[in-house]
Structures are given as structure tokens and as C-alpha cells.
Amino acid sequence: MSSSSLALALTDLLLRPGFGSRRTPDRVFDRMLGEAFPGGAAEADREFVDGFRSLLGWWAEAEHLTPVGWQSAQRHVRRHLTNRARINRLIAENPAIAEEPIERPVFVVGLPRTATTLTHGVLSLSAEHRCPLLWELLAPDLEVPPARRREAMAPARQLVRGTNLFAPRFRDIHALVVEGPEECTFALPHALMPLAQARIPAYRDWHYAHDFVPDYRHLKRVYQVLQYGRPRRRWVLKSPMHLEHLAALRTVFPDATIVWTHRDPETVMGSFCSLVEHGMSLSVRPLDPHDIGATWLELLSRSTERGIAARAGIPPESLVDVPYSWLGADPATGGVPKLYAAVGARWTDAEAARLPEVVARPKGSRPHRYDLSRYGLSRADVETAFAGYNALRAEVDRA
């Protein structure tokens, strides 16, 4: 047994006494709600709260959930409730937060494993840009005094330490860095993240029917809090999960620039299913790789279909398509200057000097290897599911 497997098995044993609480998820949720909102949630928060109550109940019923998985579910829900309450309090104490302008933000979108993280990192090099850091997304707050900075980073340190301990291969695929740029998924209330941690079909169906405009209004308030009292710079934001919600995103951020990264969906599916498998191994045993393949083929193909439908409403000057080749062998002289020009940013010697540290693989990481067939998928399955997207990619490549 590997050291990571042993650590996970021991942690499951330690958490088993509390595992029975999954039989009473409403009681668990009421306790969390009381801690986050001691005076009770306001009517304006009712839909937000009810969504998470439902999620926790469905998560409690997930097949093959482990004690670590149930603990992770509770932490996920508690974090969102706590952050919502904190943001409400901060805006009540400082009403000017709600007037903070989030002007011309850049949103990096695209299927996962299409270099969204690399594109986000490249755009973060500019001193004129502002990317949210992992620790800020996990616990958004006003400027933290130096003496409290380590305390404020504690949730992010715990997440990174636990992931690296229990699923060491995960960092070879997507390294989490406490003080590094990270994606909006951690702050967007009802993203697909729970479906990468457990099999929750009821949440998937609820997610499909959910109106995401309120979620993006919440996300805007997160960035208003992180901007308040600090120098204003152009936000550069990122999440593959934005792809299916471009219409809602643009309702709340109408002047946003959308940077859409592209890659062969066959590679995407193999790579992303591997990422999900490594992450889900913390929470579910035994795993069913074929179920992972079927689930995410549906979720991601639907996401691209919705993204393609929303493209028609995006002005051409607000949409930047980024083929995977742009960030290939020599990005400094190829795609990166083009990317900066396309979003209206300056590419200077200062950014060029720091580019190698962004494009380099994390120190000590190993190559990521995966096999599409492990997830019960064939190239024909992927080509059929992504036929419309492959037609779009062909247009992007020609352009």
C-alpha cells in the first residue's frame, strides 16, 4: 500500500464515527447555517441557501461515498455559506463595495485541459492585470493585515496539503498553489465541481435547470470585495465551467472579453477523465472509470453546445479564440504576443522575461499519461458528441 493510500485509509477510519451524520443531512445543514448566519439568513439569500441544502442532501446519498468524501461535502457547503455571510456583512458595513466597478474583465473559458490554466497564467504576468489567488477565492475578504495573512491562507494550505497527501498524482495534472492564480470555480456557487467528487445525478439535473444569473451576481460581489480598498486593475478570470454559462456571465459582466481556448476533444476527454479519477479517488470507493467517462462526455459536450449557442450574442471584438498551438513550442514569439494584442493588453520585455516561469512544468512533476479507453470511450464516441465543436475548431484553425 502506498503512503498516500495508507494516509487516506487511516483518515477514513478517524472520520468514521461522524459518518453516520450523512443519514440526517438536514440536521447537519441546519447546524452549518446557524454558524454562518447566526441571526438567520435573509430572504435575499433564500434561493442560495436552499440550493446548498438540496446539494448536501443529494451528496449524502451518493453511491460509495467514503468518510473523507462526506467530510469534503460538508466542507464544500460550509465554505460557500460562510463566504456568503461574510460578503453580506462586509457590504453592509461598507456599502461602497457594491459600487466597485469590475470593468472590462477578461474571462478565460474553454473545455478543461485546453490550456485554460496556462492562458490564465500567461495573462497574469501583466502588472496591469489582477488574477484571484487560490486563498482569496476560498475565503474572500478585504485587505488582510500582514499579521493575519497566514491565518487567512489556512483553508487554502489545508486544501493543498490534503490533496498532495491523499492524491499526489493530482498535482502532476493540475497543481494547486496557495498564492497562485486560480479559477472562479472555487467561488461560483453552483458549479459542476461536486460532480467531480461524487456521483450525484439529482444535482446534475438541478444544475441543468438552474438560473445562473444570481450565481454570477454573487461572483461579481466576490471580486468587488477583493477589489475594495486596493489598486484597481483589470481582472483576468478563468474557469472551464464558464463555457456553459456564457449568457448568464455576459448578463452580469456585459463588457467582458471572452478568451476561448481550443483543443482536440479526444485529448480533452482522456486527460480530464484522468483528472476526475485522481480527485474522486479521495471521496469514492470503489471508482467506476466507465461511469466517469459517460458522465463527463455528457456534461462537457453539453457545455460546448451551450457555449457555441451563446457565441452568436458576443460581439466579435469581445471574443478571442486561442488554438492550442498558440501556446506551443515558442509562445514568446508566437501566440502570447497575439493573445495580449487581442485582449488589448501590452506585451513588454518585463512580461517576456517572466514567461518561462509560467510555461515551465512545476518542479518535480511527472508527465501526465492517460488512456481514453479506460473510461469506456472511443474516438468515435467523442467525435459524435463533439461534432458541432469540431466544426467550430476547424473554423478557428482556418482563421
Protein backbone atom coordinates (compact mmCIF):
# COMPACT_ATOMS: atom_id res chain seq x y z
CA MET A 1 0.00 0.00 0.00
CA SER A 2 1.39 3.42 -0.97
CA SER A 3 1.89 6.09 1.68
CA SER A 4 -0.96 8.14 0.16
CA SER A 5 -3.34 5.14 0.25
CA LEU A 6 -2.37 4.40 3.83
CA ALA A 7 -2.90 8.02 4.87
CA LEU A 8 -6.31 8.03 3.21
CA ALA A 9 -7.33 4.74 4.81
CA LEU A 10 -6.29 5.97 8.27
CA THR A 11 -8.18 9.25 7.78
CA ASP A 12 -11.30 7.33 6.76
CA LEU A 13 -11.02 5.35 10.00
CA LEU A 14 -10.65 8.52 12.07
CA LEU A 15 -13.69 10.11 10.41
CA ARG A 16 -15.90 7.02 10.56
CA PRO A 17 -17.58 7.97 13.90
CA GLY A 18 -19.06 11.03 12.20
CA PHE A 19 -20.01 9.22 9.02
CA GLY A 20 -23.45 8.36 10.36
CA SER A 21 -24.46 12.01 10.16
CA ARG A 22 -24.98 11.58 6.42
CA ARG A 23 -28.27 9.90 7.37
CA THR A 24 -29.52 13.26 8.74
CA PRO A 25 -28.19 15.86 6.25
CA ASP A 26 -30.85 18.45 7.13
CA ARG A 27 -29.67 18.43 10.75
CA VAL A 28 -26.06 18.83 9.60
CA PHE A 29 -27.06 21.65 7.27
CA ASP A 30 -29.07 23.47 9.95
CA ARG A 31 -26.01 23.48 12.19
CA MET A 32 -23.84 24.92 9.40
CA LEU A 33 -26.48 27.51 8.57
CA GLY A 34 -26.71 28.63 12.18
CA GLU A 35 -22.94 29.03 12.36
CA ALA A 36 -22.76 31.02 9.12
CA PHE A 37 -25.90 33.12 9.69
CA PRO A 38 -26.37 33.39 13.49
CA GLY A 39 -29.33 35.74 13.04
CA GLY A 40 -30.87 33.69 10.26
CA ALA A 41 -30.46 34.03 6.51
CA ALA A 42 -32.15 36.98 4.83
CA GLU A 43 -34.89 36.47 2.25
CA ALA A 44 -32.40 37.60 -0.44
CA ASP A 45 -30.27 34.57 0.45
CA ARG A 46 -33.11 32.07 0.46
CA GLU A 47 -32.54 30.61 -3.01
CA PHE A 48 -28.79 30.42 -2.38
CA VAL A 49 -29.32 28.61 0.92
CA ASP A 50 -31.98 26.24 -0.41
CA GLY A 51 -29.71 25.21 -3.28
CA PHE A 52 -26.98 24.16 -0.88
CA ARG A 53 -29.40 22.38 1.41
CA SER A 54 -30.54 20.29 -1.54
CA LEU A 55 -26.96 19.68 -2.65
CA LEU A 56 -25.88 18.39 0.77
CA GLY A 57 -28.88 16.07 0.90
CA TRP A 58 -28.16 14.62 -2.54
CA TRP A 59 -24.44 14.35 -1.78
CA ALA A 60 -25.24 12.38 1.39
CA GLU A 61 -26.98 9.79 -0.79
CA ALA A 62 -24.08 9.41 -3.26
CA GLU A 63 -23.06 5.84 -4.02
CA HIS A 64 -19.85 4.52 -2.45
CA LEU A 65 -19.15 7.77 -0.59
CA THR A 66 -16.36 7.41 1.98
CA PRO A 67 -16.00 9.20 5.33
CA VAL A 68 -13.44 11.52 3.69
CA GLY A 69 -15.95 12.14 0.90
CA TRP A 70 -18.69 13.07 3.37
CA GLN A 71 -16.28 15.39 5.21
CA SER A 72 -15.39 17.02 1.87
CA ALA A 73 -19.07 17.53 1.06
CA GLN A 74 -19.64 19.29 4.37
CA ARG A 75 -16.58 21.50 3.91
CA HIS A 76 -17.73 22.48 0.42
CA VAL A 77 -21.18 23.54 1.62
CA ARG A 78 -19.91 25.20 4.81
CA ARG A 79 -17.38 27.26 2.85
CA HIS A 80 -19.98 28.65 0.48
CA LEU A 81 -22.39 29.50 3.30
CA THR A 82 -19.65 31.15 5.37
CA ASN A 83 -18.37 33.17 2.43
CA ARG A 84 -21.88 34.33 1.51
CA ALA A 85 -22.47 35.53 5.07
CA ARG A 86 -19.09 37.29 5.20
CA ILE A 87 -19.68 39.09 1.90
CA ASN A 88 -23.12 40.21 3.10
CA ARG A 89 -21.61 41.56 6.31
CA LEU A 90 -18.77 43.36 4.56
CA ILE A 91 -21.14 45.09 2.13
CA ALA A 92 -23.50 46.06 4.97
CA GLU A 93 -20.54 47.62 6.81
CA ASN A 94 -19.05 49.17 3.65
CA PRO A 95 -21.87 49.92 1.16
CA ALA A 96 -19.36 51.37 -1.31
CA ILE A 97 -18.19 47.79 -2.05
CA ALA A 98 -21.36 47.27 -4.09
CA GLU A 99 -20.39 50.25 -6.27
CA GLU A 100 -16.93 48.93 -7.13
CA PRO A 101 -16.71 48.76 -10.95
CA ILE A 102 -15.49 45.47 -12.40
CA GLU A 103 -14.54 46.95 -15.76
CA ARG A 104 -13.68 45.06 -18.95
CA PRO A 105 -12.79 41.79 -17.20
CA VAL A 106 -11.20 39.00 -19.21
CA PHE A 107 -12.73 35.55 -18.80
CA VAL A 108 -10.67 32.58 -20.00
CA VAL A 109 -13.08 29.79 -20.91
CA GLY A 110 -12.97 26.55 -22.88
CA LEU A 111 -13.14 22.85 -22.26
CA PRO A 112 -10.93 21.69 -19.37
CA ARG A 113 -7.42 20.59 -20.37
CA THR A 114 -7.32 23.07 -23.30
CA ALA A 115 -4.61 25.24 -21.69
CA THR A 116 -7.04 27.47 -19.81
CA THR A 117 -4.70 27.40 -16.81
CA LEU A 118 -1.67 28.25 -18.93
CA THR A 119 -3.54 31.04 -20.72
CA HIS A 120 -4.66 32.43 -17.37
CA GLY A 121 -1.09 32.26 -16.06
CA VAL A 122 0.29 33.99 -19.15
CA LEU A 123 -2.21 36.84 -18.82
CA SER A 124 -1.42 37.13 -15.10
CA LEU A 125 2.11 38.30 -15.97
CA SER A 126 0.99 41.85 -16.72
CA ALA A 127 1.26 44.34 -13.87
CA GLU A 128 -1.95 45.86 -15.24
CA HIS A 129 -3.88 42.65 -14.63
CA ARG A 130 -5.31 41.16 -11.44
CA CYS A 131 -5.92 37.42 -11.05
CA PRO A 132 -7.63 35.98 -7.97
CA LEU A 133 -5.39 33.74 -5.90
CA LEU A 134 -6.47 30.38 -4.52
CA TRP A 135 -6.51 31.53 -0.90
CA GLU A 136 -8.58 34.61 -1.81
CA LEU A 137 -11.19 32.52 -3.63
CA LEU A 138 -11.55 30.11 -0.72
CA ALA A 139 -12.13 32.92 1.81
CA PRO A 140 -12.75 36.28 0.06
CA ASP A 141 -12.24 39.24 2.37
CA LEU A 142 -10.96 42.80 2.50
CA GLU A 143 -7.22 43.56 2.62
CA VAL A 144 -5.66 41.31 5.25
CA PRO A 145 -3.08 42.83 7.64
CA PRO A 146 0.31 41.07 7.45
CA ALA A 147 -0.17 39.65 10.94
CA ARG A 148 -3.35 37.82 9.84
CA ARG A 149 -2.18 36.75 6.41
CA ARG A 150 -1.09 33.25 7.40
CA GLU A 151 -4.38 32.68 9.23
CA ALA A 152 -6.32 33.85 6.17
CA MET A 153 -4.41 31.39 3.99
CA ALA A 154 -5.10 28.43 6.29
CA PRO A 155 -8.05 26.99 4.30
CA ALA A 156 -6.00 27.04 1.09
CA ARG A 157 -2.98 25.49 2.79
CA GLN A 158 -5.18 22.74 4.19
CA LEU A 159 -6.70 22.04 0.76
CA VAL A 160 -3.31 21.90 -0.97
CA ARG A 161 -1.73 19.80 1.78
CA GLY A 162 -4.62 17.31 1.80
CA THR A 163 -4.73 16.99 -1.97
CA ASN A 164 -0.98 16.46 -2.22
CA LEU A 165 -1.03 13.90 0.60
CA PHE A 166 -4.03 11.84 -0.48
CA ALA A 167 -3.79 12.20 -4.29
CA PRO A 168 -0.15 13.02 -5.10
CA ARG A 169 -0.62 12.47 -8.85
CA PHE A 170 -3.26 15.23 -8.93
CA ARG A 171 -0.57 17.92 -8.76
CA ASP A 172 1.06 16.44 -11.88
CA ILE A 173 -2.19 17.21 -13.71
CA HIS A 174 -3.35 20.44 -12.07
CA ALA A 175 -1.08 21.80 -9.36
CA LEU A 176 -2.83 23.83 -6.66
CA VAL A 177 -0.75 26.75 -5.37
CA VAL A 178 -1.88 28.68 -2.29
CA GLU A 179 -0.68 32.04 -3.62
CA GLY A 180 -1.10 31.24 -7.32
CA PRO A 181 -3.83 32.32 -9.77
CA GLU A 182 -6.81 30.02 -9.62
CA GLU A 183 -10.17 29.63 -11.27
CA CYS A 184 -13.57 31.09 -10.43
CA THR A 185 -14.93 27.57 -9.87
CA PHE A 186 -13.96 27.89 -6.19
CA ALA A 187 -16.20 30.97 -5.79
CA LEU A 188 -19.04 30.28 -8.26
CA PRO A 189 -21.75 28.83 -6.01
CA HIS A 190 -23.33 26.05 -8.06
CA ALA A 191 -20.60 24.94 -10.46
CA LEU A 192 -20.07 21.35 -11.57
CA MET A 193 -17.32 20.74 -9.00
CA PRO A 194 -19.40 18.38 -6.78
CA LEU A 195 -19.89 16.06 -9.77
CA ALA A 196 -16.11 15.64 -9.92
CA GLN A 197 -16.16 14.41 -6.33
CA ALA A 198 -19.13 12.05 -6.26
CA ARG A 199 -21.92 10.63 -8.39
CA ILE A 200 -24.88 12.97 -7.73
CA PRO A 201 -27.40 12.64 -10.59
CA ALA A 202 -30.06 14.73 -8.84
CA TYR A 203 -27.64 17.65 -8.61
CA ARG A 204 -26.78 17.29 -12.30
CA ASP A 205 -30.47 17.56 -13.20
CA TRP A 206 -30.94 20.52 -10.85
CA HIS A 207 -27.86 22.19 -12.31
CA TYR A 208 -29.27 21.86 -15.83
CA ALA A 209 -32.47 23.69 -14.82
CA HIS A 210 -30.82 26.33 -12.60
CA ASP A 211 -30.75 30.03 -13.49
CA PHE A 212 -27.09 31.05 -13.17
CA VAL A 213 -27.56 34.83 -13.32
CA PRO A 214 -27.78 35.05 -9.49
CA ASP A 215 -24.60 32.95 -9.25
CA TYR A 216 -22.73 35.41 -11.43
CA ARG A 217 -24.07 38.32 -9.41
CA HIS A 218 -22.62 36.60 -6.35
CA LEU A 219 -19.34 36.09 -8.21
CA LYS A 220 -19.22 39.79 -9.06
CA ARG A 221 -19.65 40.65 -5.38
CA VAL A 222 -16.70 38.37 -4.58
CA TYR A 223 -14.48 40.40 -6.90
CA GLN A 224 -15.88 43.69 -5.63
CA VAL A 225 -14.84 42.64 -2.11
CA LEU A 226 -11.38 41.63 -3.31
CA GLN A 227 -11.01 44.94 -5.17
CA TYR A 228 -12.30 47.29 -2.48
CA GLY A 229 -9.57 49.44 -0.93
CA ARG A 230 -6.93 48.04 -3.29
CA PRO A 231 -5.47 49.37 -6.55
CA ARG A 232 -7.90 48.82 -9.41
CA ARG A 233 -6.53 46.63 -12.17
CA ARG A 234 -8.19 44.70 -14.95
CA TRP A 235 -9.49 41.37 -13.71
CA VAL A 236 -8.34 38.26 -15.56
CA LEU A 237 -10.59 35.37 -14.57
CA LYS A 238 -10.79 31.77 -15.62
CA SER A 239 -12.84 28.61 -15.43
CA PRO A 240 -13.78 25.91 -17.94
CA MET A 241 -17.13 25.86 -16.16
CA HIS A 242 -17.98 29.32 -17.55
CA LEU A 243 -18.36 27.82 -21.02
CA GLU A 244 -21.89 26.55 -20.41
CA HIS A 245 -22.98 29.82 -18.78
CA LEU A 246 -21.74 32.48 -21.19
CA ALA A 247 -25.19 34.07 -21.49
CA ALA A 248 -25.51 34.45 -17.71
CA LEU A 249 -21.91 35.63 -17.45
CA ARG A 250 -22.44 38.37 -20.03
CA THR A 251 -25.69 39.45 -18.36
CA VAL A 252 -23.70 40.35 -15.25
CA PHE A 253 -20.41 41.30 -16.98
CA PRO A 254 -21.64 42.85 -20.28
CA ASP A 255 -18.27 44.40 -21.18
CA ALA A 256 -16.28 41.19 -20.60
CA THR A 257 -13.76 39.88 -23.10
CA ILE A 258 -14.15 36.14 -23.62
CA VAL A 259 -10.95 34.22 -24.35
CA TRP A 260 -11.92 30.75 -25.59
CA THR A 261 -9.15 28.13 -25.71
CA HIS A 262 -9.42 25.17 -28.11
CA ARG A 263 -8.02 21.64 -28.31
CA ASP A 264 -8.92 18.25 -29.79
CA PRO A 265 -11.78 16.94 -27.58
CA GLU A 266 -10.41 13.39 -27.73
CA THR A 267 -7.34 14.57 -25.83
CA VAL A 268 -9.54 16.68 -23.58
CA MET A 269 -11.73 13.74 -22.58
CA GLY A 270 -8.87 11.38 -21.80
CA SER A 271 -6.95 13.98 -19.82
CA PHE A 272 -9.93 15.34 -17.91
CA CYS A 273 -11.37 11.93 -17.01
CA SER A 274 -7.96 11.08 -15.57
CA LEU A 275 -8.03 14.30 -13.53
CA VAL A 276 -11.51 13.48 -12.22
CA GLU A 277 -10.46 9.92 -11.37
CA HIS A 278 -7.49 11.10 -9.30
CA GLY A 279 -9.61 13.70 -7.50
CA MET A 280 -12.62 11.46 -6.92
CA SER A 281 -10.41 8.70 -5.51
CA LEU A 282 -10.33 10.72 -2.27
CA SER A 283 -14.09 10.57 -1.84
CA VAL A 284 -15.49 7.46 -3.55
CA ARG A 285 -14.51 3.78 -3.36
CA PRO A 286 -14.69 1.78 -5.49
CA LEU A 287 -14.48 4.05 -8.53
CA ASP A 288 -16.14 3.27 -11.85
CA PRO A 289 -13.97 4.75 -14.65
CA HIS A 290 -16.62 3.97 -17.28
CA ASP A 291 -19.18 5.96 -15.32
CA ILE A 292 -16.72 8.86 -15.14
CA GLY A 293 -16.35 8.71 -18.92
CA ALA A 294 -20.09 8.59 -19.64
CA THR A 295 -20.88 11.35 -17.12
CA TRP A 296 -18.30 13.82 -18.34
CA LEU A 297 -18.85 13.10 -22.04
CA GLU A 298 -22.43 14.26 -21.48
CA LEU A 299 -21.52 17.22 -19.26
CA LEU A 300 -18.73 18.57 -21.44
CA SER A 301 -20.43 18.06 -24.80
CA ARG A 302 -23.49 19.86 -23.41
CA SER A 303 -21.24 22.65 -22.17
CA THR A 304 -19.74 23.20 -25.63
CA GLU A 305 -23.17 23.14 -27.27
CA ARG A 306 -24.38 25.87 -24.91
CA GLY A 307 -21.17 27.83 -25.43
CA ILE A 308 -21.50 27.67 -29.20
CA ALA A 309 -25.13 28.81 -28.98
CA ALA A 310 -24.08 31.80 -26.84
CA ARG A 311 -21.29 32.85 -29.26
CA ALA A 312 -23.84 34.39 -31.60
CA GLY A 313 -24.60 37.05 -29.00
CA ILE A 314 -20.98 38.01 -28.32
CA PRO A 315 -19.61 40.95 -30.34
CA PRO A 316 -16.60 39.85 -32.43
CA GLU A 317 -14.36 42.40 -30.72
CA SER A 318 -15.19 40.79 -27.34
CA LEU A 319 -14.32 37.22 -28.36
CA VAL A 320 -10.80 35.84 -28.71
CA ASP A 321 -10.28 32.27 -29.95
CA VAL A 322 -7.00 30.69 -28.84
CA PRO A 323 -5.95 27.48 -30.66
CA TYR A 324 -3.81 25.14 -28.57
CA SER A 325 -0.92 25.76 -30.97
CA TRP A 326 -0.66 29.38 -29.83
CA LEU A 327 0.98 28.23 -26.59
CA GLY A 328 3.10 25.56 -28.23
CA ALA A 329 6.83 25.30 -28.85
CA ASP A 330 7.74 29.01 -28.83
CA PRO A 331 4.94 31.01 -27.20
CA ALA A 332 7.14 34.09 -26.63
CA THR A 333 7.37 34.81 -30.34
CA GLY A 334 4.15 33.11 -31.40
CA GLY A 335 0.80 33.10 -29.68
CA VAL A 336 1.44 35.03 -26.48
CA PRO A 337 2.04 38.45 -28.10
CA LYS A 338 -1.00 37.81 -30.29
CA LEU A 339 -3.04 36.93 -27.22
CA TYR A 340 -2.04 40.13 -25.44
CA ALA A 341 -2.83 42.23 -28.51
CA ALA A 342 -6.20 40.52 -28.91
CA VAL A 343 -7.32 41.41 -25.36
CA GLY A 344 -5.96 44.96 -25.64
CA ALA A 345 -3.00 44.47 -23.29
CA ARG A 346 0.67 45.44 -23.68
CA TRP A 347 3.26 42.70 -24.16
CA THR A 348 6.58 44.09 -22.97
CA ASP A 349 10.06 42.84 -22.14
CA ALA A 350 9.03 42.61 -18.49
CA GLU A 351 6.33 40.04 -19.26
CA ALA A 352 8.60 38.20 -21.69
CA ALA A 353 11.29 37.85 -19.01
CA ARG A 354 8.83 36.12 -16.66
CA LEU A 355 7.18 33.90 -19.26
CA PRO A 356 9.48 30.87 -18.73
CA GLU A 357 8.38 30.51 -15.11
CA VAL A 358 4.72 30.28 -16.21
CA VAL A 359 5.11 27.84 -19.10
CA ALA A 360 7.52 25.51 -17.27
CA ARG A 361 6.12 22.37 -15.66
CA PRO A 362 6.03 22.50 -11.85
CA LYS A 363 9.27 21.31 -10.31
CA GLY A 364 9.20 17.60 -9.50
CA SER A 365 6.04 16.88 -11.50
CA ARG A 366 5.78 13.85 -13.76
CA PRO A 367 4.27 13.59 -17.25
CA HIS A 368 0.53 13.05 -17.29
CA ARG A 369 -0.38 9.82 -19.10
CA TYR A 370 -3.93 8.65 -19.73
CA ASP A 371 -5.91 6.27 -21.91
CA LEU A 372 -9.35 7.21 -23.28
CA SER A 373 -10.43 3.55 -23.40
CA ARG A 374 -10.00 3.26 -19.62
CA TYR A 375 -13.13 5.41 -19.36
CA GLY A 376 -15.14 3.30 -21.78
CA LEU A 377 -14.84 5.85 -24.58
CA SER A 378 -13.63 5.61 -28.16
CA ARG A 379 -12.56 8.29 -30.60
CA ALA A 380 -15.84 7.74 -32.49
CA ASP A 381 -17.83 8.39 -29.29
CA VAL A 382 -16.03 11.68 -28.75
CA GLU A 383 -16.27 12.77 -32.40
CA THR A 384 -20.01 12.15 -32.40
CA ALA A 385 -20.58 14.01 -29.12
CA PHE A 386 -18.44 16.97 -30.18
CA ALA A 387 -19.35 17.16 -33.87
CA GLY A 388 -20.53 20.78 -33.62
CA TYR A 389 -17.49 21.80 -31.62
CA ASN A 390 -15.08 20.15 -34.09
CA ALA A 391 -16.70 22.17 -36.88
CA LEU A 392 -16.05 25.33 -34.84
CA ARG A 393 -12.44 24.29 -34.21
CA ALA A 394 -11.94 23.85 -37.95
CA GLU A 395 -13.16 27.41 -38.49
CA VAL A 396 -10.84 28.71 -35.76
CA ASP A 397 -7.87 26.89 -37.27
CA ARG A 398 -8.61 28.32 -40.72
CA ALA A 399 -8.86 31.80 -39.29
